[in-house]
Amino acid sequence: MTGTRDRRDRDQRVRITHPEKQLFETGFTKGDLAGYYRTVADVILPQLADRPVTRIRFPDGVGGMRFFEKNTPKYAPAWLRRMPLTANPGSSRPAKTVTYPFIDDVAGLEWMSNQAAIELHTPQWRVGPRGGIRNPDRLVIDLDPGEGADIGDCAAAAHVIRARLAEEALETWPVTSGSKGIHLYAALDGRKTARAVHASVGKIARELAAEHPELVADVGKEKRVGKVFLDWSQNHPARSTATPYTLRGRAAPHVAAPREWDELVSDVTQLGPDEVLRRLEHDGDLMERHGFRRAS
């Protein structure tokens, strides 16, 4: 009986309280946030599928306090799937278990929107039907421009990294992050553990920093001036990345937007939600086209 009631409750659209509340200086509201996530549900839900979700919430909008939330709050609806996970195997630090939520449907997106969870972040691994943490099915390198560098420098670095990863038989695809830089994704076959992937990507980042010292760096803020920082740490099993198609909590609403390689030129820009929706209507889901939609 309880399961039937939970399904019935979930099928009903979540009520968005104070939909007129402004979250961005541009006038983008909480109602707009929920509307965006409803519209992109068909493409963001496959990216969220079976991945625990860390949220960045902005209860007073992007100009106010923000906070990261990993645990599922006690007041979350009963139908919101959750699972206790310890996602730091092999660490010397004490294991920490977090009861993460999972977003399985439009109602889950709506509920997160009502919490002013503008950003949805996920790890590179998924959880199996019995709760086991699987090996990662993708790797990611976050290209972050240091002081004096910009997204055009990230685009130049992305092409260099693409060529290097091709030597490892990895095909990469770009996602402009919706923040300052670019995320590069490569699909994996799930044979390597997260620790092994983390180590191998770190090795590649260090090699690239040595080979292209004028363009990229992999350590220390003082060494990033005028360069692009290669953040490979998000392949660690305890880390997460802004999920493709999530909004970002910056001054203006921008999206972690999948792109084609020919778009990565010196004047590439971040995309807003309206631009992303137009591209989806015209081009379809680039993540699916490039092999990142199917659950492993």
C-alpha atoms as a PDB file:
ATOM      1  CA  MET A   1       0.000   0.000   0.000  1.00  0.00           C
ATOM      2  CA  THR A   2       2.817   2.404   0.902  1.00  0.00           C
ATOM      3  CA  GLY A   3       4.549   1.814  -2.436  1.00  0.00           C
ATOM      4  CA  THR A   4       1.323   2.567  -4.301  1.00  0.00           C
ATOM      5  CA  ARG A   5       0.838   5.796  -2.341  1.00  0.00           C
ATOM      6  CA  ASP A   6       4.457   6.851  -2.977  1.00  0.00           C
ATOM      7  CA  ARG A   7       4.068   6.284  -6.719  1.00  0.00           C
ATOM      8  CA  ARG A   8       0.808   8.237  -6.762  1.00  0.00           C
ATOM      9  CA  ASP A   9       2.410  11.132  -4.872  1.00  0.00           C
ATOM     10  CA  ARG A  10       5.394  11.162  -7.205  1.00  0.00           C
ATOM     11  CA  ASP A  11       3.188  11.219 -10.282  1.00  0.00           C
ATOM     12  CA  GLN A  12       1.683  14.469  -9.084  1.00  0.00           C
ATOM     13  CA  ARG A  13       3.654  17.545 -10.064  1.00  0.00           C
ATOM     14  CA  VAL A  14       5.636  18.988  -7.181  1.00  0.00           C
ATOM     15  CA  ARG A  15       4.306  22.350  -6.043  1.00  0.00           C
ATOM     16  CA  ILE A  16       6.876  25.088  -6.553  1.00  0.00           C
ATOM     17  CA  THR A  17       6.612  27.509  -3.659  1.00  0.00           C
ATOM     18  CA  HIS A  18       7.311  31.169  -4.400  1.00  0.00           C
ATOM     19  CA  PRO A  19       7.901  30.572  -8.123  1.00  0.00           C
ATOM     20  CA  GLU A  20       8.355  34.320  -8.583  1.00  0.00           C
ATOM     21  CA  LYS A  21      11.438  34.388  -6.350  1.00  0.00           C
ATOM     22  CA  GLN A  22      14.356  35.798  -8.324  1.00  0.00           C
ATOM     23  CA  LEU A  23      17.426  33.556  -8.321  1.00  0.00           C
ATOM     24  CA  PHE A  24      19.588  35.462 -10.824  1.00  0.00           C
ATOM     25  CA  GLU A  25      20.096  39.179 -11.371  1.00  0.00           C
ATOM     26  CA  THR A  26      18.738  38.720 -14.889  1.00  0.00           C
ATOM     27  CA  GLY A  27      15.288  38.046 -13.438  1.00  0.00           C
ATOM     28  CA  PHE A  28      15.469  34.242 -13.827  1.00  0.00           C
ATOM     29  CA  THR A  29      13.177  32.888 -11.092  1.00  0.00           C
ATOM     30  CA  LYS A  30      12.624  29.694  -9.162  1.00  0.00           C
ATOM     31  CA  GLY A  31       9.692  29.005 -11.468  1.00  0.00           C
ATOM     32  CA  ASP A  32      12.032  29.431 -14.450  1.00  0.00           C
ATOM     33  CA  LEU A  33      14.477  26.995 -12.821  1.00  0.00           C
ATOM     34  CA  ALA A  34      11.794  24.343 -12.468  1.00  0.00           C
ATOM     35  CA  GLY A  35      10.581  25.033 -16.002  1.00  0.00           C
ATOM     36  CA  TYR A  36      14.075  24.616 -17.431  1.00  0.00           C
ATOM     37  CA  TYR A  37      14.615  21.295 -15.676  1.00  0.00           C
ATOM     38  CA  ARG A  38      11.202  20.026 -16.800  1.00  0.00           C
ATOM     39  CA  THR A  39      12.056  20.915 -20.391  1.00  0.00           C
ATOM     40  CA  VAL A  40      15.476  19.221 -20.386  1.00  0.00           C
ATOM     41  CA  ALA A  41      14.305  16.199 -18.378  1.00  0.00           C
ATOM     42  CA  ASP A  42      14.689  13.810 -21.321  1.00  0.00           C
ATOM     43  CA  VAL A  43      18.383  14.681 -21.708  1.00  0.00           C
ATOM     44  CA  ILE A  44      19.514  15.369 -18.145  1.00  0.00           C
ATOM     45  CA  LEU A  45      17.848  12.359 -16.512  1.00  0.00           C
ATOM     46  CA  PRO A  46      20.066   9.881 -18.429  1.00  0.00           C
ATOM     47  CA  GLN A  47      23.103  11.824 -17.153  1.00  0.00           C
ATOM     48  CA  LEU A  48      21.791  11.628 -13.585  1.00  0.00           C
ATOM     49  CA  ALA A  49      20.634   8.004 -13.831  1.00  0.00           C
ATOM     50  CA  ASP A  50      21.971   5.859 -10.987  1.00  0.00           C
ATOM     51  CA  ARG A  51      24.460   8.534  -9.938  1.00  0.00           C
ATOM     52  CA  PRO A  52      24.239  10.038  -6.425  1.00  0.00           C
ATOM     53  CA  VAL A  53      23.550  13.753  -6.616  1.00  0.00           C
ATOM     54  CA  THR A  54      25.399  16.506  -4.764  1.00  0.00           C
ATOM     55  CA  ARG A  55      23.527  19.782  -4.926  1.00  0.00           C
ATOM     56  CA  ILE A  56      24.639  23.386  -4.680  1.00  0.00           C
ATOM     57  CA  ARG A  57      21.714  25.324  -3.258  1.00  0.00           C
ATOM     58  CA  PHE A  58      21.117  29.062  -3.405  1.00  0.00           C
ATOM     59  CA  PRO A  59      18.109  29.696  -1.133  1.00  0.00           C
ATOM     60  CA  ASP A  60      18.432  33.478  -1.533  1.00  0.00           C
ATOM     61  CA  GLY A  61      19.596  33.443  -5.147  1.00  0.00           C
ATOM     62  CA  VAL A  62      23.101  33.524  -6.570  1.00  0.00           C
ATOM     63  CA  GLY A  63      23.875  36.792  -4.797  1.00  0.00           C
ATOM     64  CA  GLY A  64      23.294  35.231  -1.381  1.00  0.00           C
ATOM     65  CA  MET A  65      24.609  32.298   0.583  1.00  0.00           C
ATOM     66  CA  ARG A  66      25.271  29.067  -1.236  1.00  0.00           C
ATOM     67  CA  PHE A  67      25.965  25.659   0.242  1.00  0.00           C
ATOM     68  CA  PHE A  68      26.814  22.156  -0.881  1.00  0.00           C
ATOM     69  CA  GLU A  69      24.418  19.415   0.173  1.00  0.00           C
ATOM     70  CA  LYS A  70      25.216  15.719  -0.154  1.00  0.00           C
ATOM     71  CA  ASN A  71      22.995  14.019   2.402  1.00  0.00           C
ATOM     72  CA  THR A  72      19.293  13.635   1.733  1.00  0.00           C
ATOM     73  CA  PRO A  73      17.448  15.979   4.109  1.00  0.00           C
ATOM     74  CA  LYS A  74      15.084  14.372   6.606  1.00  0.00           C
ATOM     75  CA  TYR A  75      12.156  16.325   5.166  1.00  0.00           C
ATOM     76  CA  ALA A  76      12.648  14.940   1.651  1.00  0.00           C
ATOM     77  CA  PRO A  77       9.547  13.145   0.296  1.00  0.00           C
ATOM     78  CA  ALA A  78       9.395   9.396   0.847  1.00  0.00           C
ATOM     79  CA  TRP A  79       9.339   8.722  -2.902  1.00  0.00           C
ATOM     80  CA  LEU A  80      12.750  10.356  -3.480  1.00  0.00           C
ATOM     81  CA  ARG A  81      15.190   7.462  -3.860  1.00  0.00           C
ATOM     82  CA  ARG A  82      18.152   7.555  -1.502  1.00  0.00           C
ATOM     83  CA  MET A  83      20.993   5.247  -0.589  1.00  0.00           C
ATOM     84  CA  PRO A  84      23.821   5.231   1.987  1.00  0.00           C
ATOM     85  CA  LEU A  85      27.154   5.122   0.160  1.00  0.00           C
ATOM     86  CA  THR A  86      30.793   5.096   1.167  1.00  0.00           C
ATOM     87  CA  ALA A  87      32.518   6.415  -1.940  1.00  0.00           C
ATOM     88  CA  ASN A  88      36.144   6.619  -0.817  1.00  0.00           C
ATOM     89  CA  PRO A  89      37.514   3.060  -0.990  1.00  0.00           C
ATOM     90  CA  GLY A  90      41.191   2.610  -0.279  1.00  0.00           C
ATOM     91  CA  SER A  91      41.630   5.970   1.437  1.00  0.00           C
ATOM     92  CA  SER A  92      43.785   6.313   4.545  1.00  0.00           C
ATOM     93  CA  ARG A  93      41.103   8.581   6.010  1.00  0.00           C
ATOM     94  CA  PRO A  94      38.195   7.149   8.006  1.00  0.00           C
ATOM     95  CA  ALA A  95      35.354   6.056   5.747  1.00  0.00           C
ATOM     96  CA  LYS A  96      32.377   8.417   5.712  1.00  0.00           C
ATOM     97  CA  THR A  97      28.932   7.206   4.720  1.00  0.00           C
ATOM     98  CA  VAL A  98      26.554   9.669   3.090  1.00  0.00           C
ATOM     99  CA  THR A  99      22.894   9.000   2.315  1.00  0.00           C
ATOM    100  CA  TYR A 100      22.710  10.492  -1.160  1.00  0.00           C
ATOM    101  CA  PRO A 101      19.540  11.165  -3.135  1.00  0.00           C
ATOM    102  CA  PHE A 102      19.042   9.982  -6.697  1.00  0.00           C
ATOM    103  CA  ILE A 103      16.987  11.843  -9.290  1.00  0.00           C
ATOM    104  CA  ASP A 104      14.980   9.349 -11.315  1.00  0.00           C
ATOM    105  CA  ASP A 105      12.191  11.432 -12.817  1.00  0.00           C
ATOM    106  CA  VAL A 106      10.705  14.863 -13.476  1.00  0.00           C
ATOM    107  CA  ALA A 107       9.268  15.004  -9.966  1.00  0.00           C
ATOM    108  CA  GLY A 108      12.773  14.647  -8.569  1.00  0.00           C
ATOM    109  CA  LEU A 109      13.983  17.525 -10.737  1.00  0.00           C
ATOM    110  CA  GLU A 110      11.036  19.632  -9.614  1.00  0.00           C
ATOM    111  CA  TRP A 111      11.648  18.884  -5.950  1.00  0.00           C
ATOM    112  CA  MET A 112      15.322  19.858  -6.291  1.00  0.00           C
ATOM    113  CA  SER A 113      14.276  23.052  -8.074  1.00  0.00           C
ATOM    114  CA  ASN A 114      11.959  23.903  -5.208  1.00  0.00           C
ATOM    115  CA  GLN A 115      14.973  23.588  -2.901  1.00  0.00           C
ATOM    116  CA  ALA A 116      16.768  26.190  -5.085  1.00  0.00           C
ATOM    117  CA  ALA A 117      19.269  23.475  -6.010  1.00  0.00           C
ATOM    118  CA  ILE A 118      20.535  25.272  -9.087  1.00  0.00           C
ATOM    119  CA  GLU A 119      23.554  23.000  -9.615  1.00  0.00           C
ATOM    120  CA  LEU A 120      23.396  19.194  -9.792  1.00  0.00           C
ATOM    121  CA  HIS A 121      26.753  17.418  -9.521  1.00  0.00           C
ATOM    122  CA  THR A 122      27.453  13.724 -10.052  1.00  0.00           C
ATOM    123  CA  PRO A 123      30.478  11.366  -9.890  1.00  0.00           C
ATOM    124  CA  GLN A 124      31.960   9.484 -12.823  1.00  0.00           C
ATOM    125  CA  TRP A 125      30.517   6.179 -11.567  1.00  0.00           C
ATOM    126  CA  ARG A 126      27.053   4.735 -11.179  1.00  0.00           C
ATOM    127  CA  VAL A 127      25.419   2.552  -8.549  1.00  0.00           C
ATOM    128  CA  GLY A 128      24.165  -0.923  -9.410  1.00  0.00           C
ATOM    129  CA  PRO A 129      20.694  -2.277  -8.568  1.00  0.00           C
ATOM    130  CA  ARG A 130      21.939  -3.795  -5.288  1.00  0.00           C
ATOM    131  CA  GLY A 131      23.754  -0.647  -4.221  1.00  0.00           C
ATOM    132  CA  GLY A 132      27.238  -1.607  -5.343  1.00  0.00           C
ATOM    133  CA  ILE A 133      29.480   1.198  -6.608  1.00  0.00           C
ATOM    134  CA  ARG A 134      30.533   0.376 -10.153  1.00  0.00           C
ATOM    135  CA  ASN A 135      33.750   1.296 -11.882  1.00  0.00           C
ATOM    136  CA  PRO A 136      33.594   4.664 -13.666  1.00  0.00           C
ATOM    137  CA  ASP A 137      32.028   4.748 -17.122  1.00  0.00           C
ATOM    138  CA  ARG A 138      33.626   8.082 -18.027  1.00  0.00           C
ATOM    139  CA  LEU A 139      36.567  10.288 -17.188  1.00  0.00           C
ATOM    140  CA  VAL A 140      36.600  14.066 -17.070  1.00  0.00           C
ATOM    141  CA  ILE A 141      39.221  16.809 -17.131  1.00  0.00           C
ATOM    142  CA  ASP A 142      38.091  20.246 -15.992  1.00  0.00           C
ATOM    143  CA  LEU A 143      39.897  23.051 -17.843  1.00  0.00           C
ATOM    144  CA  ASP A 144      39.899  26.077 -15.556  1.00  0.00           C
ATOM    145  CA  PRO A 145      41.465  29.341 -16.759  1.00  0.00           C
ATOM    146  CA  GLY A 146      43.949  30.858 -14.311  1.00  0.00           C
ATOM    147  CA  GLU A 147      44.397  34.581 -13.766  1.00  0.00           C
ATOM    148  CA  GLY A 148      45.087  36.227 -17.125  1.00  0.00           C
ATOM    149  CA  ALA A 149      43.679  33.307 -19.134  1.00  0.00           C
ATOM    150  CA  ASP A 150      40.163  32.841 -20.505  1.00  0.00           C
ATOM    151  CA  ILE A 151      37.848  30.307 -22.093  1.00  0.00           C
ATOM    152  CA  GLY A 152      39.603  30.794 -25.444  1.00  0.00           C
ATOM    153  CA  ASP A 153      42.796  29.493 -23.827  1.00  0.00           C
ATOM    154  CA  CYS A 154      40.761  26.570 -22.478  1.00  0.00           C
ATOM    155  CA  ALA A 155      39.607  25.836 -26.040  1.00  0.00           C
ATOM    156  CA  ALA A 156      43.224  25.777 -27.249  1.00  0.00           C
ATOM    157  CA  ALA A 157      44.193  23.469 -24.387  1.00  0.00           C
ATOM    158  CA  ALA A 158      41.199  21.217 -25.104  1.00  0.00           C
ATOM    159  CA  HIS A 159      42.463  20.455 -28.604  1.00  0.00           C
ATOM    160  CA  VAL A 160      45.894  19.552 -27.205  1.00  0.00           C
ATOM    161  CA  ILE A 161      44.345  17.245 -24.611  1.00  0.00           C
ATOM    162  CA  ARG A 162      42.087  15.676 -27.222  1.00  0.00           C
ATOM    163  CA  ALA A 163      45.119  14.676 -29.279  1.00  0.00           C
ATOM    164  CA  ARG A 164      46.906  13.278 -26.215  1.00  0.00           C
ATOM    165  CA  LEU A 165      43.938  11.190 -25.082  1.00  0.00           C
ATOM    166  CA  ALA A 166      43.517   9.877 -28.626  1.00  0.00           C
ATOM    167  CA  GLU A 167      46.917   8.239 -28.114  1.00  0.00           C
ATOM    168  CA  GLU A 168      45.242   6.275 -25.304  1.00  0.00           C
ATOM    169  CA  ALA A 169      42.425   5.273 -27.697  1.00  0.00           C
ATOM    170  CA  LEU A 170      40.056   7.648 -25.883  1.00  0.00           C
ATOM    171  CA  GLU A 171      37.683   9.844 -27.860  1.00  0.00           C
ATOM    172  CA  THR A 172      36.886  13.043 -25.985  1.00  0.00           C
ATOM    173  CA  TRP A 173      33.993  15.477 -26.261  1.00  0.00           C
ATOM    174  CA  PRO A 174      33.697  18.990 -24.833  1.00  0.00           C
ATOM    175  CA  VAL A 175      31.132  20.522 -22.518  1.00  0.00           C
ATOM    176  CA  THR A 176      31.411  24.254 -21.867  1.00  0.00           C
ATOM    177  CA  SER A 177      31.091  24.237 -18.097  1.00  0.00           C
ATOM    178  CA  GLY A 178      28.614  27.094 -17.643  1.00  0.00           C
ATOM    179  CA  SER A 179      31.175  28.675 -15.351  1.00  0.00           C
ATOM    180  CA  LYS A 180      34.611  29.804 -16.594  1.00  0.00           C
ATOM    181  CA  GLY A 181      36.029  26.865 -18.503  1.00  0.00           C
ATOM    182  CA  ILE A 182      35.457  23.610 -20.331  1.00  0.00           C
ATOM    183  CA  HIS A 183      34.945  19.999 -19.274  1.00  0.00           C
ATOM    184  CA  LEU A 184      36.355  17.233 -21.463  1.00  0.00           C
ATOM    185  CA  TYR A 185      34.666  13.817 -21.245  1.00  0.00           C
ATOM    186  CA  ALA A 186      35.757  10.421 -22.509  1.00  0.00           C
ATOM    187  CA  ALA A 187      33.665   7.273 -22.255  1.00  0.00           C
ATOM    188  CA  LEU A 188      35.224   4.290 -20.449  1.00  0.00           C
ATOM    189  CA  ASP A 189      34.466   0.581 -20.670  1.00  0.00           C
ATOM    190  CA  GLY A 190      34.170   0.142 -16.905  1.00  0.00           C
ATOM    191  CA  ARG A 191      37.167  -2.172 -16.561  1.00  0.00           C
ATOM    192  CA  LYS A 192      39.318   0.187 -14.495  1.00  0.00           C
ATOM    193  CA  THR A 193      38.633   1.163 -10.905  1.00  0.00           C
ATOM    194  CA  ALA A 194      38.110   4.800 -10.017  1.00  0.00           C
ATOM    195  CA  ARG A 195      41.492   4.837  -8.276  1.00  0.00           C
ATOM    196  CA  ALA A 196      43.209   3.528 -11.418  1.00  0.00           C
ATOM    197  CA  VAL A 197      41.437   6.058 -13.644  1.00  0.00           C
ATOM    198  CA  HIS A 198      42.296   8.871 -11.244  1.00  0.00           C
ATOM    199  CA  ALA A 199      45.976   7.881 -11.285  1.00  0.00           C
ATOM    200  CA  SER A 200      46.192   7.492 -15.066  1.00  0.00           C
ATOM    201  CA  VAL A 201      44.497  10.831 -15.780  1.00  0.00           C
ATOM    202  CA  GLY A 202      46.798  12.518 -13.272  1.00  0.00           C
ATOM    203  CA  LYS A 203      49.825  11.079 -15.065  1.00  0.00           C
ATOM    204  CA  ILE A 204      48.560  12.397 -18.398  1.00  0.00           C
ATOM    205  CA  ALA A 205      47.901  15.860 -16.902  1.00  0.00           C
ATOM    206  CA  ARG A 206      51.430  16.029 -15.517  1.00  0.00           C
ATOM    207  CA  GLU A 207      52.885  14.997 -18.869  1.00  0.00           C
ATOM    208  CA  LEU A 208      50.857  17.648 -20.682  1.00  0.00           C
ATOM    209  CA  ALA A 209      51.951  20.319 -18.211  1.00  0.00           C
ATOM    210  CA  ALA A 210      55.587  19.369 -18.849  1.00  0.00           C
ATOM    211  CA  GLU A 211      55.163  19.281 -22.624  1.00  0.00           C
ATOM    212  CA  HIS A 212      53.135  22.520 -22.893  1.00  0.00           C
ATOM    213  CA  PRO A 213      54.301  24.712 -19.986  1.00  0.00           C
ATOM    214  CA  GLU A 214      53.273  27.887 -21.810  1.00  0.00           C
ATOM    215  CA  LEU A 215      49.629  26.732 -22.001  1.00  0.00           C
ATOM    216  CA  VAL A 216      48.689  24.415 -19.135  1.00  0.00           C
ATOM    217  CA  ALA A 217      49.487  23.704 -15.492  1.00  0.00           C
ATOM    218  CA  ASP A 218      48.426  20.888 -13.192  1.00  0.00           C
ATOM    219  CA  VAL A 219      49.414  22.287  -9.766  1.00  0.00           C
ATOM    220  CA  GLY A 220      49.466  25.397  -7.559  1.00  0.00           C
ATOM    221  CA  LYS A 221      47.629  28.681  -8.085  1.00  0.00           C
ATOM    222  CA  GLU A 222      50.904  30.565  -8.428  1.00  0.00           C
ATOM    223  CA  LYS A 223      51.774  28.412 -11.448  1.00  0.00           C
ATOM    224  CA  ARG A 224      48.430  28.940 -13.180  1.00  0.00           C
ATOM    225  CA  VAL A 225      48.802  32.633 -14.042  1.00  0.00           C
ATOM    226  CA  GLY A 226      48.160  33.033 -17.764  1.00  0.00           C
ATOM    227  CA  LYS A 227      47.607  29.292 -18.130  1.00  0.00           C
ATOM    228  CA  VAL A 228      44.856  26.709 -18.039  1.00  0.00           C
ATOM    229  CA  PHE A 229      44.663  24.531 -14.941  1.00  0.00           C
ATOM    230  CA  LEU A 230      44.035  20.857 -15.735  1.00  0.00           C
ATOM    231  CA  ASP A 231      41.857  19.707 -12.863  1.00  0.00           C
ATOM    232  CA  TRP A 232      41.882  15.920 -13.050  1.00  0.00           C
ATOM    233  CA  SER A 233      40.892  15.459  -9.391  1.00  0.00           C
ATOM    234  CA  GLN A 234      37.224  15.010 -10.294  1.00  0.00           C
ATOM    235  CA  ASN A 235      38.027  11.433 -11.293  1.00  0.00           C
ATOM    236  CA  HIS A 236      38.616  10.605  -7.622  1.00  0.00           C
ATOM    237  CA  PRO A 237      35.839   8.289  -6.366  1.00  0.00           C
ATOM    238  CA  ALA A 238      34.776  10.840  -3.737  1.00  0.00           C
ATOM    239  CA  ARG A 239      34.532  13.790  -6.153  1.00  0.00           C
ATOM    240  CA  SER A 240      31.827  14.942  -8.541  1.00  0.00           C
ATOM    241  CA  THR A 241      31.394  17.217 -11.559  1.00  0.00           C
ATOM    242  CA  ALA A 242      28.634  19.550 -12.730  1.00  0.00           C
ATOM    243  CA  THR A 243      26.321  17.217 -14.628  1.00  0.00           C
ATOM    244  CA  PRO A 244      25.886  17.952 -18.351  1.00  0.00           C
ATOM    245  CA  TYR A 245      22.800  20.158 -18.824  1.00  0.00           C
ATOM    246  CA  THR A 246      22.805  21.419 -15.224  1.00  0.00           C
ATOM    247  CA  LEU A 247      22.448  25.138 -14.656  1.00  0.00           C
ATOM    248  CA  ARG A 248      25.304  26.908 -12.848  1.00  0.00           C
ATOM    249  CA  GLY A 249      24.969  29.403 -10.020  1.00  0.00           C
ATOM    250  CA  ARG A 250      26.817  32.359 -11.503  1.00  0.00           C
ATOM    251  CA  ALA A 251      25.776  35.984 -12.026  1.00  0.00           C
ATOM    252  CA  ALA A 252      23.830  35.047 -15.168  1.00  0.00           C
ATOM    253  CA  PRO A 253      22.225  31.651 -15.805  1.00  0.00           C
ATOM    254  CA  HIS A 254      24.512  29.478 -17.897  1.00  0.00           C
ATOM    255  CA  VAL A 255      24.444  25.746 -18.551  1.00  0.00           C
ATOM    256  CA  ALA A 256      27.033  22.954 -18.604  1.00  0.00           C
ATOM    257  CA  ALA A 257      26.395  22.557 -22.333  1.00  0.00           C
ATOM    258  CA  PRO A 258      27.620  19.759 -24.623  1.00  0.00           C
ATOM    259  CA  ARG A 259      29.408  21.149 -27.679  1.00  0.00           C
ATOM    260  CA  GLU A 260      30.945  20.024 -30.965  1.00  0.00           C
ATOM    261  CA  TRP A 261      34.688  20.265 -31.495  1.00  0.00           C
ATOM    262  CA  ASP A 262      34.398  22.795 -34.299  1.00  0.00           C
ATOM    263  CA  GLU A 263      32.807  25.195 -31.806  1.00  0.00           C
ATOM    264  CA  LEU A 264      35.912  25.264 -29.631  1.00  0.00           C
ATOM    265  CA  VAL A 265      37.574  28.329 -31.088  1.00  0.00           C
ATOM    266  CA  SER A 266      39.093  31.404 -29.445  1.00  0.00           C
ATOM    267  CA  ASP A 267      35.767  33.248 -29.173  1.00  0.00           C
ATOM    268  CA  VAL A 268      33.715  30.329 -27.798  1.00  0.00           C
ATOM    269  CA  THR A 269      31.244  31.441 -25.116  1.00  0.00           C
ATOM    270  CA  GLN A 270      29.181  29.850 -22.367  1.00  0.00           C
ATOM    271  CA  LEU A 271      25.554  29.125 -23.279  1.00  0.00           C
ATOM    272  CA  GLY A 272      22.408  30.227 -21.475  1.00  0.00           C
ATOM    273  CA  PRO A 273      19.329  28.043 -20.968  1.00  0.00           C
ATOM    274  CA  ASP A 274      17.395  29.505 -23.902  1.00  0.00           C
ATOM    275  CA  GLU A 275      20.327  28.825 -26.249  1.00  0.00           C
ATOM    276  CA  VAL A 276      20.620  25.260 -24.971  1.00  0.00           C
ATOM    277  CA  LEU A 277      16.915  24.634 -25.524  1.00  0.00           C
ATOM    278  CA  ARG A 278      17.135  25.961 -29.097  1.00  0.00           C
ATOM    279  CA  ARG A 279      20.137  23.728 -29.772  1.00  0.00           C
ATOM    280  CA  LEU A 280      18.333  20.688 -28.383  1.00  0.00           C
ATOM    281  CA  GLU A 281      15.402  21.356 -30.683  1.00  0.00           C
ATOM    282  CA  HIS A 282      17.688  21.778 -33.693  1.00  0.00           C
ATOM    283  CA  ASP A 283      20.541  19.332 -33.007  1.00  0.00           C
ATOM    284  CA  GLY A 284      19.188  16.865 -30.469  1.00  0.00           C
ATOM    285  CA  ASP A 285      21.135  15.497 -27.515  1.00  0.00           C
ATOM    286  CA  LEU A 286      24.871  15.693 -28.190  1.00  0.00           C
ATOM    287  CA  MET A 287      25.628  13.562 -25.129  1.00  0.00           C
ATOM    288  CA  GLU A 288      23.577  10.729 -26.602  1.00  0.00           C
ATOM    289  CA  ARG A 289      25.141  11.237 -30.011  1.00  0.00           C
ATOM    290  CA  HIS A 290      28.606  10.925 -28.510  1.00  0.00           C
ATOM    291  CA  GLY A 291      27.825   7.820 -26.480  1.00  0.00           C
ATOM    292  CA  PHE A 292      27.226   9.231 -22.998  1.00  0.00           C
ATOM    293  CA  ARG A 293      23.529   8.501 -22.581  1.00  0.00           C
ATOM    294  CA  ARG A 294      23.280   4.764 -21.995  1.00  0.00           C
ATOM    295  CA  ALA A 295      23.433   3.462 -18.445  1.00  0.00           C
ATOM    296  CA  SER A 296      26.287   1.037 -17.896  1.00  0.00           C
END
